[in-house]
N, C-alpha and C. Protein backbone atom coordinates (compact mmCIF):
# COMPACT_ATOMS: atom_id res chain seq x y z
N MET A 1 118.03 -58.89 59.24
CA MET A 1 119.50 -58.73 59.28
C MET A 1 119.86 -57.29 58.96
N ALA A 2 120.84 -56.77 59.71
CA ALA A 2 121.32 -55.42 59.44
C ALA A 2 122.83 -55.39 59.66
N LEU A 3 123.52 -54.63 58.85
CA LEU A 3 124.96 -54.46 59.01
C LEU A 3 125.27 -52.97 59.06
N ASN A 4 126.08 -52.58 60.04
CA ASN A 4 126.44 -51.16 60.10
C ASN A 4 127.53 -50.85 59.06
N LYS A 5 127.86 -49.58 58.96
CA LYS A 5 128.79 -49.14 57.91
C LYS A 5 130.13 -49.87 57.97
N ALA A 6 130.69 -49.96 59.17
CA ALA A 6 132.02 -50.55 59.32
C ALA A 6 132.01 -52.03 58.96
N ALA A 7 131.02 -52.76 59.45
CA ALA A 7 130.94 -54.20 59.19
C ALA A 7 130.71 -54.48 57.71
N LEU A 8 129.85 -53.68 57.10
CA LEU A 8 129.55 -53.88 55.69
C LEU A 8 130.75 -53.55 54.81
N ALA A 9 131.45 -52.48 55.14
CA ALA A 9 132.61 -52.08 54.33
C ALA A 9 133.63 -53.19 54.23
N LYS A 10 133.80 -53.95 55.31
CA LYS A 10 134.78 -55.04 55.33
C LYS A 10 134.38 -56.21 54.43
N MET A 11 133.14 -56.18 53.92
CA MET A 11 132.67 -57.25 53.02
C MET A 11 132.62 -56.79 51.57
N ILE A 12 132.99 -55.54 51.32
CA ILE A 12 132.86 -54.97 49.98
C ILE A 12 134.20 -54.85 49.28
N ASP A 13 134.25 -55.35 48.05
CA ASP A 13 135.37 -55.08 47.15
C ASP A 13 135.00 -53.83 46.36
N HIS A 14 135.62 -52.72 46.72
CA HIS A 14 135.35 -51.41 46.11
C HIS A 14 136.01 -51.41 44.73
N THR A 15 135.20 -51.29 43.67
CA THR A 15 135.66 -51.67 42.34
C THR A 15 135.64 -50.52 41.35
N LEU A 16 136.76 -50.36 40.63
CA LEU A 16 136.85 -49.38 39.55
C LEU A 16 137.47 -50.07 38.34
N LEU A 17 136.62 -50.58 37.45
CA LEU A 17 137.09 -51.34 36.30
C LEU A 17 136.61 -50.74 34.98
N LYS A 18 136.28 -49.45 35.00
CA LYS A 18 135.84 -48.79 33.77
C LYS A 18 136.96 -48.78 32.74
N THR A 19 136.57 -48.89 31.48
CA THR A 19 137.54 -48.86 30.39
C THR A 19 138.35 -47.57 30.39
N ALA A 20 137.69 -46.45 30.68
CA ALA A 20 138.34 -45.14 30.55
C ALA A 20 138.76 -44.55 31.90
N SER A 21 138.89 -45.37 32.93
CA SER A 21 139.29 -44.82 34.23
C SER A 21 140.68 -44.20 34.14
N THR A 22 140.84 -43.06 34.75
CA THR A 22 142.10 -42.31 34.67
C THR A 22 142.90 -42.45 35.96
N ARG A 23 144.14 -42.03 35.90
CA ARG A 23 145.02 -42.07 37.06
C ARG A 23 144.41 -41.26 38.22
N GLU A 24 143.85 -40.10 37.88
CA GLU A 24 143.26 -39.25 38.92
C GLU A 24 142.06 -39.94 39.58
N GLU A 25 141.25 -40.62 38.78
CA GLU A 25 140.11 -41.35 39.33
C GLU A 25 140.58 -42.47 40.25
N VAL A 26 141.63 -43.17 39.85
CA VAL A 26 142.16 -44.25 40.68
C VAL A 26 142.68 -43.70 42.01
N MET A 27 143.30 -42.55 41.98
CA MET A 27 143.82 -41.95 43.21
C MET A 27 142.68 -41.58 44.16
N ARG A 28 141.61 -40.98 43.62
CA ARG A 28 140.45 -40.64 44.44
C ARG A 28 139.79 -41.90 44.98
N PHE A 29 139.70 -42.89 44.14
CA PHE A 29 139.08 -44.17 44.48
C PHE A 29 139.85 -44.86 45.62
N CYS A 30 141.16 -44.85 45.55
CA CYS A 30 141.97 -45.45 46.61
C CYS A 30 141.83 -44.67 47.91
N ASP A 31 141.67 -43.38 47.82
CA ASP A 31 141.44 -42.58 49.03
C ASP A 31 140.13 -42.97 49.69
N GLU A 32 139.11 -43.24 48.89
CA GLU A 32 137.83 -43.73 49.43
C GLU A 32 138.03 -45.07 50.14
N GLY A 33 138.83 -45.91 49.53
CA GLY A 33 139.11 -47.21 50.14
C GLY A 33 139.74 -47.06 51.51
N LYS A 34 140.68 -46.15 51.63
CA LYS A 34 141.33 -45.89 52.93
C LYS A 34 140.34 -45.37 53.95
N ARG A 35 139.54 -44.38 53.54
CA ARG A 35 138.65 -43.71 54.48
C ARG A 35 137.56 -44.62 55.02
N PHE A 36 137.09 -45.54 54.20
CA PHE A 36 135.94 -46.36 54.61
C PHE A 36 136.31 -47.79 54.98
N GLY A 37 137.54 -48.18 54.75
CA GLY A 37 137.98 -49.50 55.19
C GLY A 37 137.33 -50.66 54.45
N PHE A 38 137.24 -50.52 53.12
CA PHE A 38 136.70 -51.63 52.33
C PHE A 38 137.63 -52.83 52.41
N ALA A 39 137.12 -54.01 52.05
CA ALA A 39 137.95 -55.21 52.04
C ALA A 39 139.11 -55.05 51.06
N THR A 40 138.78 -54.59 49.86
CA THR A 40 139.80 -54.35 48.84
C THR A 40 139.41 -53.15 47.99
N VAL A 41 140.39 -52.63 47.29
CA VAL A 41 140.13 -51.77 46.15
C VAL A 41 140.53 -52.59 44.92
N VAL A 42 139.64 -52.69 43.95
CA VAL A 42 139.89 -53.52 42.77
C VAL A 42 140.05 -52.62 41.55
N VAL A 43 141.21 -52.71 40.93
CA VAL A 43 141.52 -51.86 39.78
C VAL A 43 141.98 -52.73 38.61
N ASN A 44 141.97 -52.15 37.42
CA ASN A 44 142.50 -52.85 36.26
C ASN A 44 144.00 -53.08 36.43
N PRO A 45 144.55 -54.12 35.79
CA PRO A 45 145.97 -54.45 35.98
C PRO A 45 146.94 -53.30 35.78
N THR A 46 146.64 -52.43 34.84
CA THR A 46 147.57 -51.33 34.56
C THR A 46 147.73 -50.38 35.75
N TYR A 47 146.78 -50.38 36.69
CA TYR A 47 146.84 -49.48 37.85
C TYR A 47 147.22 -50.20 39.15
N VAL A 48 147.60 -51.47 39.07
CA VAL A 48 147.92 -52.21 40.29
C VAL A 48 149.12 -51.60 41.01
N SER A 49 150.16 -51.26 40.29
CA SER A 49 151.35 -50.67 40.93
C SER A 49 151.00 -49.39 41.67
N LEU A 50 150.23 -48.53 41.03
CA LEU A 50 149.81 -47.27 41.64
C LEU A 50 148.97 -47.53 42.89
N ALA A 51 147.98 -48.38 42.76
CA ALA A 51 147.11 -48.67 43.90
C ALA A 51 147.89 -49.29 45.05
N SER A 52 148.84 -50.15 44.73
CA SER A 52 149.65 -50.79 45.76
C SER A 52 150.45 -49.76 46.54
N ARG A 53 150.98 -48.78 45.86
CA ARG A 53 151.72 -47.71 46.56
C ARG A 53 150.79 -46.87 47.42
N LEU A 54 149.63 -46.57 46.89
CA LEU A 54 148.68 -45.72 47.60
C LEU A 54 148.10 -46.41 48.84
N MET A 55 147.93 -47.73 48.79
CA MET A 55 147.31 -48.46 49.90
C MET A 55 148.32 -49.02 50.89
N LYS A 56 149.58 -48.79 50.65
CA LYS A 56 150.62 -49.31 51.54
C LYS A 56 150.41 -48.79 52.96
N GLY A 57 150.50 -49.69 53.92
CA GLY A 57 150.33 -49.29 55.33
C GLY A 57 148.90 -49.28 55.80
N THR A 58 147.96 -49.67 54.93
CA THR A 58 146.55 -49.75 55.33
C THR A 58 146.14 -51.22 55.41
N VAL A 59 144.97 -51.47 55.96
CA VAL A 59 144.46 -52.85 56.03
C VAL A 59 143.71 -53.22 54.76
N VAL A 60 143.50 -52.26 53.88
CA VAL A 60 142.76 -52.50 52.64
C VAL A 60 143.68 -53.14 51.60
N LYS A 61 143.28 -54.28 51.06
CA LYS A 61 144.09 -54.98 50.08
C LYS A 61 143.83 -54.46 48.67
N VAL A 62 144.77 -54.73 47.79
CA VAL A 62 144.62 -54.35 46.39
C VAL A 62 144.25 -55.60 45.59
N GLY A 63 143.15 -55.50 44.87
CA GLY A 63 142.70 -56.59 44.01
C GLY A 63 142.74 -56.18 42.55
N THR A 64 142.76 -57.16 41.68
CA THR A 64 142.70 -56.87 40.24
C THR A 64 142.05 -58.05 39.52
N VAL A 65 141.94 -57.93 38.21
CA VAL A 65 141.23 -58.93 37.41
C VAL A 65 142.17 -59.60 36.41
N VAL A 66 141.85 -60.84 36.07
CA VAL A 66 142.66 -61.63 35.15
C VAL A 66 141.75 -62.23 34.08
N GLY A 67 142.16 -62.11 32.81
CA GLY A 67 141.33 -62.62 31.72
C GLY A 67 140.01 -61.91 31.63
N PHE A 68 140.00 -60.65 31.96
CA PHE A 68 138.77 -59.87 32.13
C PHE A 68 138.47 -59.07 30.87
N PRO A 69 137.20 -58.97 30.46
CA PRO A 69 136.00 -59.54 31.06
C PRO A 69 135.49 -60.81 30.37
N LEU A 70 136.15 -61.27 29.31
CA LEU A 70 135.59 -62.37 28.51
C LEU A 70 136.00 -63.76 28.97
N GLY A 71 137.16 -63.87 29.59
CA GLY A 71 137.65 -65.17 30.03
C GLY A 71 138.18 -66.04 28.91
N ALA A 72 138.38 -65.47 27.73
CA ALA A 72 138.70 -66.28 26.54
C ALA A 72 140.19 -66.36 26.25
N ASN A 73 141.03 -65.82 27.12
CA ASN A 73 142.48 -65.96 26.94
C ASN A 73 142.89 -67.41 27.17
N THR A 74 144.07 -67.79 26.71
CA THR A 74 144.57 -69.13 26.96
C THR A 74 145.03 -69.25 28.42
N PRO A 75 145.08 -70.48 28.95
CA PRO A 75 145.52 -70.66 30.33
C PRO A 75 146.91 -70.08 30.59
N GLU A 76 147.80 -70.21 29.60
CA GLU A 76 149.16 -69.70 29.78
C GLU A 76 149.18 -68.18 29.92
N VAL A 77 148.36 -67.51 29.14
CA VAL A 77 148.29 -66.05 29.21
C VAL A 77 147.71 -65.61 30.55
N LYS A 78 146.68 -66.30 31.01
CA LYS A 78 146.07 -65.94 32.30
C LYS A 78 147.07 -66.14 33.45
N ALA A 79 147.80 -67.24 33.42
CA ALA A 79 148.77 -67.50 34.48
C ALA A 79 149.86 -66.43 34.48
N TYR A 80 150.31 -66.02 33.29
CA TYR A 80 151.32 -64.96 33.23
C TYR A 80 150.75 -63.64 33.73
N GLU A 81 149.53 -63.32 33.31
CA GLU A 81 148.90 -62.07 33.76
C GLU A 81 148.76 -62.06 35.28
N ALA A 82 148.35 -63.19 35.84
CA ALA A 82 148.22 -63.30 37.29
C ALA A 82 149.56 -63.05 37.97
N SER A 83 150.60 -63.69 37.46
CA SER A 83 151.93 -63.53 38.04
C SER A 83 152.40 -62.08 37.96
N ASN A 84 152.19 -61.45 36.83
CA ASN A 84 152.60 -60.06 36.64
C ASN A 84 151.86 -59.14 37.59
N CYS A 85 150.56 -59.35 37.76
CA CYS A 85 149.76 -58.52 38.68
C CYS A 85 150.25 -58.68 40.12
N LEU A 86 150.58 -59.91 40.50
CA LEU A 86 151.06 -60.14 41.86
C LEU A 86 152.42 -59.51 42.09
N MET A 87 153.28 -59.56 41.09
CA MET A 87 154.59 -58.91 41.19
C MET A 87 154.44 -57.40 41.36
N ASN A 88 153.37 -56.86 40.78
CA ASN A 88 153.13 -55.41 40.86
C ASN A 88 152.41 -54.99 42.14
N GLY A 89 152.04 -55.97 42.98
CA GLY A 89 151.48 -55.62 44.27
C GLY A 89 150.06 -56.07 44.54
N ALA A 90 149.43 -56.78 43.59
CA ALA A 90 148.06 -57.26 43.84
C ALA A 90 148.09 -58.34 44.93
N GLU A 91 147.03 -58.37 45.73
CA GLU A 91 146.91 -59.35 46.81
C GLU A 91 145.70 -60.27 46.63
N GLU A 92 144.80 -59.89 45.73
CA GLU A 92 143.64 -60.72 45.41
C GLU A 92 143.42 -60.66 43.91
N LEU A 93 143.08 -61.83 43.33
CA LEU A 93 142.86 -61.93 41.88
C LEU A 93 141.46 -62.43 41.59
N ASP A 94 140.73 -61.71 40.76
CA ASP A 94 139.41 -62.14 40.29
C ASP A 94 139.57 -62.55 38.83
N MET A 95 139.61 -63.86 38.58
CA MET A 95 139.82 -64.33 37.21
C MET A 95 138.51 -64.75 36.57
N VAL A 96 138.41 -64.56 35.25
CA VAL A 96 137.22 -65.00 34.53
C VAL A 96 137.50 -66.40 33.96
N MET A 97 136.66 -67.33 34.33
CA MET A 97 136.74 -68.70 33.81
C MET A 97 136.54 -68.71 32.29
N ASN A 98 137.08 -69.73 31.63
CA ASN A 98 136.83 -69.90 30.20
C ASN A 98 135.39 -70.40 30.02
N ILE A 99 134.49 -69.47 29.83
CA ILE A 99 133.06 -69.76 29.80
C ILE A 99 132.69 -70.63 28.59
N GLY A 100 133.29 -70.32 27.43
CA GLY A 100 133.01 -71.10 26.24
C GLY A 100 133.45 -72.54 26.39
N ALA A 101 134.59 -72.76 27.04
CA ALA A 101 135.08 -74.13 27.26
C ALA A 101 134.12 -74.90 28.15
N LEU A 102 133.61 -74.25 29.19
CA LEU A 102 132.66 -74.93 30.07
C LEU A 102 131.40 -75.31 29.31
N LYS A 103 130.89 -74.37 28.52
CA LYS A 103 129.65 -74.63 27.78
C LYS A 103 129.87 -75.68 26.68
N SER A 104 131.12 -75.86 26.24
CA SER A 104 131.44 -76.87 25.25
C SER A 104 131.66 -78.24 25.88
N GLY A 105 131.64 -78.27 27.22
CA GLY A 105 131.87 -79.53 27.92
C GLY A 105 133.34 -79.89 28.08
N ASN A 106 134.23 -78.94 27.77
CA ASN A 106 135.67 -79.18 27.86
C ASN A 106 136.16 -78.84 29.27
N LEU A 107 135.82 -79.70 30.22
CA LEU A 107 136.16 -79.41 31.62
C LEU A 107 137.65 -79.50 31.88
N ASP A 108 138.37 -80.28 31.08
CA ASP A 108 139.83 -80.36 31.25
C ASP A 108 140.47 -78.99 31.00
N LEU A 109 140.00 -78.29 29.96
CA LEU A 109 140.52 -76.96 29.68
C LEU A 109 140.14 -75.99 30.79
N VAL A 110 138.92 -76.09 31.28
CA VAL A 110 138.49 -75.22 32.38
C VAL A 110 139.36 -75.44 33.61
N LYS A 111 139.67 -76.70 33.89
CA LYS A 111 140.52 -77.02 35.05
C LYS A 111 141.92 -76.43 34.89
N ARG A 112 142.50 -76.57 33.68
CA ARG A 112 143.82 -75.99 33.45
C ARG A 112 143.79 -74.48 33.55
N ASP A 113 142.72 -73.92 33.02
CA ASP A 113 142.52 -72.47 32.99
C ASP A 113 142.51 -71.90 34.41
N ILE A 114 141.72 -72.49 35.27
CA ILE A 114 141.61 -72.01 36.65
C ILE A 114 142.84 -72.41 37.45
N GLY A 115 143.28 -73.65 37.27
CA GLY A 115 144.38 -74.16 38.06
C GLY A 115 145.66 -73.37 37.92
N GLY A 116 145.95 -72.91 36.72
CA GLY A 116 147.17 -72.13 36.51
C GLY A 116 147.19 -70.85 37.32
N VAL A 117 146.06 -70.17 37.35
CA VAL A 117 145.98 -68.91 38.12
C VAL A 117 146.01 -69.20 39.62
N VAL A 118 145.30 -70.23 40.04
CA VAL A 118 145.26 -70.56 41.47
C VAL A 118 146.66 -70.92 41.98
N ARG A 119 147.42 -71.69 41.21
CA ARG A 119 148.78 -72.06 41.64
C ARG A 119 149.66 -70.83 41.79
N VAL A 120 149.56 -69.91 40.85
CA VAL A 120 150.34 -68.67 40.92
C VAL A 120 149.95 -67.88 42.17
N ALA A 121 148.64 -67.79 42.42
CA ALA A 121 148.15 -67.04 43.57
C ALA A 121 148.64 -67.66 44.88
N LYS A 122 148.51 -68.96 44.99
CA LYS A 122 148.90 -69.64 46.23
C LYS A 122 150.39 -69.49 46.50
N ALA A 123 151.19 -69.49 45.45
CA ALA A 123 152.63 -69.35 45.61
C ALA A 123 153.01 -68.02 46.24
N ARG A 124 152.15 -67.02 46.05
CA ARG A 124 152.40 -65.70 46.62
C ARG A 124 151.42 -65.35 47.73
N HIS A 125 150.73 -66.36 48.24
CA HIS A 125 149.80 -66.19 49.37
C HIS A 125 148.72 -65.16 49.08
N ALA A 126 148.25 -65.16 47.83
CA ALA A 126 147.17 -64.26 47.42
C ALA A 126 145.87 -65.04 47.30
N LEU A 127 144.75 -64.33 47.45
CA LEU A 127 143.44 -64.96 47.29
C LEU A 127 143.06 -65.00 45.81
N SER A 128 142.36 -66.07 45.43
CA SER A 128 141.87 -66.19 44.06
C SER A 128 140.36 -66.36 44.05
N LYS A 129 139.71 -65.64 43.14
CA LYS A 129 138.26 -65.73 42.99
C LYS A 129 137.98 -66.05 41.52
N VAL A 130 137.07 -66.98 41.28
CA VAL A 130 136.77 -67.42 39.92
C VAL A 130 135.39 -66.92 39.51
N ILE A 131 135.36 -66.09 38.48
CA ILE A 131 134.11 -65.54 37.95
C ILE A 131 133.54 -66.53 36.94
N ILE A 132 132.33 -67.01 37.19
CA ILE A 132 131.73 -68.00 36.28
C ILE A 132 130.74 -67.38 35.30
N GLU A 133 130.45 -66.09 35.43
CA GLU A 133 129.48 -65.38 34.58
C GLU A 133 128.19 -66.18 34.48
N ALA A 134 127.53 -66.29 35.63
CA ALA A 134 126.38 -67.17 35.80
C ALA A 134 125.23 -66.91 34.83
N CYS A 135 125.09 -65.69 34.35
CA CYS A 135 123.97 -65.36 33.48
C CYS A 135 124.00 -66.14 32.16
N TYR A 136 125.17 -66.68 31.80
CA TYR A 136 125.29 -67.42 30.55
C TYR A 136 125.21 -68.94 30.75
N LEU A 137 125.03 -69.38 31.99
CA LEU A 137 125.10 -70.80 32.29
C LEU A 137 123.75 -71.39 32.68
N SER A 138 123.54 -72.64 32.31
CA SER A 138 122.39 -73.39 32.79
C SER A 138 122.67 -73.83 34.23
N ARG A 139 121.67 -74.38 34.87
CA ARG A 139 121.88 -74.86 36.24
C ARG A 139 122.96 -75.94 36.27
N GLU A 140 122.89 -76.87 35.32
CA GLU A 140 123.90 -77.93 35.27
C GLU A 140 125.30 -77.37 35.07
N GLU A 141 125.41 -76.36 34.23
CA GLU A 141 126.71 -75.74 33.99
C GLU A 141 127.22 -75.00 35.22
N LYS A 142 126.31 -74.40 35.97
CA LYS A 142 126.73 -73.75 37.23
C LYS A 142 127.24 -74.79 38.22
N VAL A 143 126.58 -75.93 38.26
CA VAL A 143 127.04 -77.02 39.14
C VAL A 143 128.43 -77.47 38.72
N ASN A 144 128.63 -77.70 37.42
CA ASN A 144 129.94 -78.13 36.93
C ASN A 144 131.01 -77.09 37.21
N ALA A 145 130.65 -75.82 37.03
CA ALA A 145 131.61 -74.74 37.28
C ALA A 145 132.05 -74.75 38.75
N CYS A 146 131.10 -74.88 39.64
CA CYS A 146 131.43 -74.87 41.07
C CYS A 146 132.29 -76.07 41.46
N LEU A 147 132.02 -77.22 40.85
CA LEU A 147 132.83 -78.41 41.13
C LEU A 147 134.27 -78.18 40.72
N VAL A 148 134.47 -77.59 39.55
CA VAL A 148 135.83 -77.32 39.07
C VAL A 148 136.51 -76.29 39.96
N VAL A 149 135.78 -75.26 40.36
CA VAL A 149 136.36 -74.23 41.23
C VAL A 149 136.79 -74.84 42.56
N LEU A 150 135.95 -75.70 43.12
CA LEU A 150 136.31 -76.38 44.37
C LEU A 150 137.54 -77.25 44.19
N GLU A 151 137.59 -78.02 43.12
CA GLU A 151 138.73 -78.89 42.86
C GLU A 151 140.02 -78.10 42.67
N SER A 152 139.90 -76.90 42.14
CA SER A 152 141.09 -76.10 41.82
C SER A 152 141.77 -75.53 43.07
N GLY A 153 141.02 -75.43 44.16
CA GLY A 153 141.58 -74.84 45.37
C GLY A 153 141.44 -73.33 45.44
N ALA A 154 140.62 -72.75 44.56
CA ALA A 154 140.37 -71.31 44.61
C ALA A 154 139.68 -70.94 45.92
N ASP A 155 139.73 -69.66 46.26
CA ASP A 155 139.18 -69.20 47.53
C ASP A 155 137.73 -68.74 47.44
N PHE A 156 137.29 -68.35 46.26
CA PHE A 156 135.92 -67.86 46.07
C PHE A 156 135.40 -68.30 44.71
N VAL A 157 134.09 -68.46 44.63
CA VAL A 157 133.40 -68.50 43.35
C VAL A 157 132.60 -67.21 43.26
N LYS A 158 132.62 -66.60 42.10
CA LYS A 158 132.02 -65.26 41.93
C LYS A 158 130.99 -65.30 40.81
N THR A 159 129.89 -64.58 41.00
CA THR A 159 128.77 -64.67 40.07
C THR A 159 129.04 -64.08 38.70
N SER A 160 129.65 -62.89 38.64
CA SER A 160 129.58 -62.11 37.41
C SER A 160 130.74 -61.13 37.29
N THR A 161 130.99 -60.71 36.05
CA THR A 161 131.97 -59.65 35.81
C THR A 161 131.36 -58.26 35.99
N GLY A 162 130.04 -58.17 35.79
CA GLY A 162 129.40 -56.86 35.71
C GLY A 162 129.37 -56.34 34.29
N PHE A 163 130.00 -57.09 33.38
CA PHE A 163 130.01 -56.70 31.97
C PHE A 163 129.16 -57.64 31.12
N GLY A 164 128.57 -58.66 31.74
CA GLY A 164 127.76 -59.63 31.02
C GLY A 164 126.33 -59.14 30.82
N ALA A 165 125.49 -60.05 30.35
CA ALA A 165 124.10 -59.70 30.06
C ALA A 165 123.31 -59.41 31.33
N GLN A 166 123.76 -59.93 32.46
CA GLN A 166 123.08 -59.71 33.74
C GLN A 166 124.10 -59.84 34.86
N GLY A 167 123.85 -59.15 35.95
CA GLY A 167 124.74 -59.23 37.10
C GLY A 167 124.28 -60.29 38.08
N ALA A 168 124.64 -60.09 39.34
CA ALA A 168 124.31 -61.05 40.38
C ALA A 168 122.79 -61.10 40.62
N THR A 169 122.30 -62.29 40.93
CA THR A 169 120.91 -62.45 41.36
C THR A 169 120.90 -63.21 42.67
N VAL A 170 119.87 -62.98 43.46
CA VAL A 170 119.73 -63.68 44.73
C VAL A 170 119.67 -65.19 44.49
N GLU A 171 118.97 -65.60 43.44
CA GLU A 171 118.82 -67.02 43.14
C GLU A 171 120.18 -67.66 42.86
N ASP A 172 121.03 -66.98 42.08
CA ASP A 172 122.35 -67.54 41.77
C ASP A 172 123.23 -67.61 43.01
N VAL A 173 123.16 -66.58 43.83
CA VAL A 173 123.97 -66.58 45.06
C VAL A 173 123.55 -67.75 45.96
N LYS A 174 122.25 -67.95 46.10
CA LYS A 174 121.76 -69.07 46.91
C LYS A 174 122.25 -70.40 46.36
N LEU A 175 122.20 -70.55 45.04
CA LEU A 175 122.64 -71.80 44.42
C LEU A 175 124.14 -72.01 44.65
N LEU A 176 124.94 -70.98 44.41
CA LEU A 176 126.38 -71.12 44.59
C LEU A 176 126.72 -71.46 46.04
N LYS A 177 126.03 -70.82 46.96
CA LYS A 177 126.27 -71.11 48.38
C LYS A 177 125.89 -72.55 48.69
N GLU A 178 124.80 -73.01 48.13
CA GLU A 178 124.38 -74.40 48.34
C GLU A 178 125.43 -75.37 47.80
N LEU A 179 126.02 -75.03 46.66
CA LEU A 179 126.97 -75.92 46.00
C LEU A 179 128.32 -75.96 46.69
N VAL A 180 128.78 -74.82 47.20
CA VAL A 180 130.12 -74.79 47.80
C VAL A 180 130.07 -74.83 49.33
N ALA A 181 128.88 -74.64 49.89
CA ALA A 181 128.69 -74.65 51.36
C ALA A 181 129.67 -73.65 51.99
N ASP A 182 130.41 -74.11 53.01
CA ASP A 182 131.37 -73.22 53.67
C ASP A 182 132.81 -73.56 53.29
N LYS A 183 132.96 -74.32 52.19
CA LYS A 183 134.29 -74.72 51.78
C LYS A 183 135.09 -73.55 51.22
N ILE A 184 134.40 -72.68 50.48
CA ILE A 184 135.03 -71.48 49.94
C ILE A 184 134.02 -70.34 50.03
N GLY A 185 134.47 -69.13 49.74
CA GLY A 185 133.59 -67.98 49.78
C GLY A 185 132.76 -67.83 48.51
N VAL A 186 131.70 -67.05 48.62
CA VAL A 186 130.86 -66.71 47.47
C VAL A 186 130.87 -65.19 47.33
N LYS A 187 131.23 -64.73 46.15
CA LYS A 187 131.23 -63.29 45.89
C LYS A 187 130.13 -62.95 44.89
N ALA A 188 129.29 -62.00 45.28
CA ALA A 188 128.24 -61.48 44.41
C ALA A 188 128.72 -60.18 43.78
N SER A 189 128.55 -60.05 42.49
CA SER A 189 129.02 -58.84 41.81
C SER A 189 128.19 -58.58 40.57
N GLY A 190 128.03 -57.31 40.24
CA GLY A 190 127.27 -56.93 39.05
C GLY A 190 125.90 -56.42 39.40
N GLY A 191 125.67 -55.13 39.24
CA GLY A 191 124.35 -54.54 39.46
C GLY A 191 123.99 -54.29 40.91
N ILE A 192 124.96 -54.37 41.81
CA ILE A 192 124.69 -54.14 43.24
C ILE A 192 124.98 -52.68 43.53
N ARG A 193 123.92 -51.91 43.73
CA ARG A 193 124.09 -50.45 43.78
C ARG A 193 123.60 -49.82 45.08
N THR A 194 122.82 -50.54 45.87
CA THR A 194 122.24 -49.96 47.09
C THR A 194 122.53 -50.84 48.29
N TYR A 195 122.31 -50.27 49.48
CA TYR A 195 122.46 -51.04 50.72
C TYR A 195 121.54 -52.25 50.70
N ARG A 196 120.33 -52.07 50.25
CA ARG A 196 119.37 -53.17 50.19
C ARG A 196 119.85 -54.26 49.23
N ASP A 197 120.41 -53.85 48.08
CA ASP A 197 120.97 -54.83 47.14
C ASP A 197 122.05 -55.67 47.82
N ALA A 198 122.98 -54.98 48.47
CA ALA A 198 124.10 -55.66 49.12
C ALA A 198 123.61 -56.60 50.20
N LEU A 199 122.68 -56.11 51.00
CA LEU A 199 122.17 -56.92 52.11
C LEU A 199 121.46 -58.17 51.60
N SER A 200 120.72 -58.04 50.52
CA SER A 200 120.00 -59.20 49.97
C SER A 200 120.98 -60.27 49.50
N MET A 201 122.12 -59.86 48.96
CA MET A 201 123.13 -60.82 48.51
C MET A 201 123.79 -61.52 49.70
N ILE A 202 124.05 -60.75 50.74
CA ILE A 202 124.68 -61.32 51.94
C ILE A 202 123.72 -62.28 52.63
N GLU A 203 122.46 -61.90 52.69
CA GLU A 203 121.45 -62.79 53.28
C GLU A 203 121.30 -64.09 52.48
N ALA A 204 121.56 -64.01 51.17
CA ALA A 204 121.46 -65.20 50.31
C ALA A 204 122.68 -66.10 50.43
N GLY A 205 123.75 -65.59 51.04
CA GLY A 205 124.94 -66.42 51.24
C GLY A 205 126.25 -65.84 50.78
N ALA A 206 126.24 -64.63 50.21
CA ALA A 206 127.49 -64.01 49.76
C ALA A 206 128.36 -63.63 50.96
N THR A 207 129.64 -63.92 50.85
CA THR A 207 130.58 -63.54 51.90
C THR A 207 131.42 -62.34 51.47
N ARG A 208 131.29 -61.97 50.22
CA ARG A 208 131.95 -60.77 49.69
C ARG A 208 131.05 -60.19 48.62
N VAL A 209 131.05 -58.87 48.51
CA VAL A 209 130.23 -58.17 47.52
C VAL A 209 131.14 -57.26 46.70
N GLY A 210 131.07 -57.37 45.39
CA GLY A 210 131.83 -56.49 44.52
C GLY A 210 130.92 -55.40 43.99
N ALA A 211 131.35 -54.15 44.10
CA ALA A 211 130.47 -53.05 43.69
C ALA A 211 131.28 -51.81 43.33
N SER A 212 130.88 -51.17 42.24
CA SER A 212 131.45 -49.87 41.90
C SER A 212 130.70 -48.76 42.63
N SER A 213 129.59 -49.12 43.29
CA SER A 213 128.78 -48.15 44.04
C SER A 213 129.02 -48.28 45.55
N GLY A 214 130.22 -48.64 45.93
CA GLY A 214 130.52 -48.83 47.33
C GLY A 214 130.21 -47.63 48.20
N MET A 215 130.48 -46.46 47.69
CA MET A 215 130.22 -45.24 48.48
C MET A 215 128.74 -45.06 48.76
N GLN A 216 127.90 -45.29 47.74
CA GLN A 216 126.45 -45.16 47.91
C GLN A 216 125.93 -46.20 48.89
N ILE A 217 126.44 -47.43 48.76
CA ILE A 217 126.01 -48.50 49.64
C ILE A 217 126.31 -48.17 51.10
N ILE A 218 127.52 -47.70 51.35
CA ILE A 218 127.91 -47.36 52.72
C ILE A 218 127.12 -46.14 53.23
N ALA A 219 126.86 -45.19 52.34
CA ALA A 219 126.09 -44.01 52.76
C ALA A 219 124.69 -44.39 53.23
N GLU A 220 124.13 -45.44 52.66
CA GLU A 220 122.78 -45.86 53.02
C GLU A 220 122.75 -46.79 54.24
N ALA A 221 123.90 -47.32 54.61
CA ALA A 221 123.96 -48.28 55.73
C ALA A 221 123.81 -47.55 57.05
N PRO A 222 123.24 -48.23 58.09
CA PRO A 222 123.12 -47.60 59.41
C PRO A 222 124.47 -47.42 60.08
N GLU A 223 124.55 -46.47 61.00
CA GLU A 223 125.79 -46.20 61.72
C GLU A 223 126.16 -47.38 62.60
C-alpha cells in the first residue's frame, strides 16, 4: 500500500497541543494546514477562535480537544466545553473518555460522559471522536469502551491522547477496527512521526491519523 502526499494529507489531523504553544506558532501551524490540505488543524480550545479565522475559506477544518488530556472532568463540564469550542468555530471535537469510570466498571457514567459531548456536537453538525487512552485498558475494557462509543453515536473511536504512557499501536488499531467495523471511523494518534508509522496505522484500519509531525510525514510521502 502506498499513499501520495495529497491523499495522505487528507487523512491527517495536523495537531498542535503543546502546553506552551504560542499565538505565533499557531499562526504558522495553520499556514501549514492550508498549504498541505490536511483534514484538520487541531489546536487547544484557547486558540479555536484564532484558528477558525485563519482557516476560513479553506477546506481544512478546525478541530480541538475536550476534557484533555485526563478525561477526568464531569460530564457537565465536558458538554459545556464542547459547546463553547463549537461556538468559537471548532468543527471537530476529540474528547477524552472518563477512563477511571470505565476501569471502575461505571459504564453509566461513561455513557453520560460521552453522550453529552456527542449531543452537543450533533446539534451543530460537528464530528465527535472519543479518545479511550488504550494503553491503560485491558482487552475487555477496550471492548466495553468501543461498545459505549458505538452506542453514543460518536463518529470516531481514537486510540490515545499522545500524553499517556504509550501512543497508538498497530495491535490496538486492528482491535478497534475489528470492534467497530465500518460503523464509525478509527483514529490512531500518539507517537506517529514518520510516513511509515502513518502507513502502518492506515493499513491496520485507521481512517484518520493524528500527528504533530504532519510536515515530516508528508515530506517522506511519495509525490
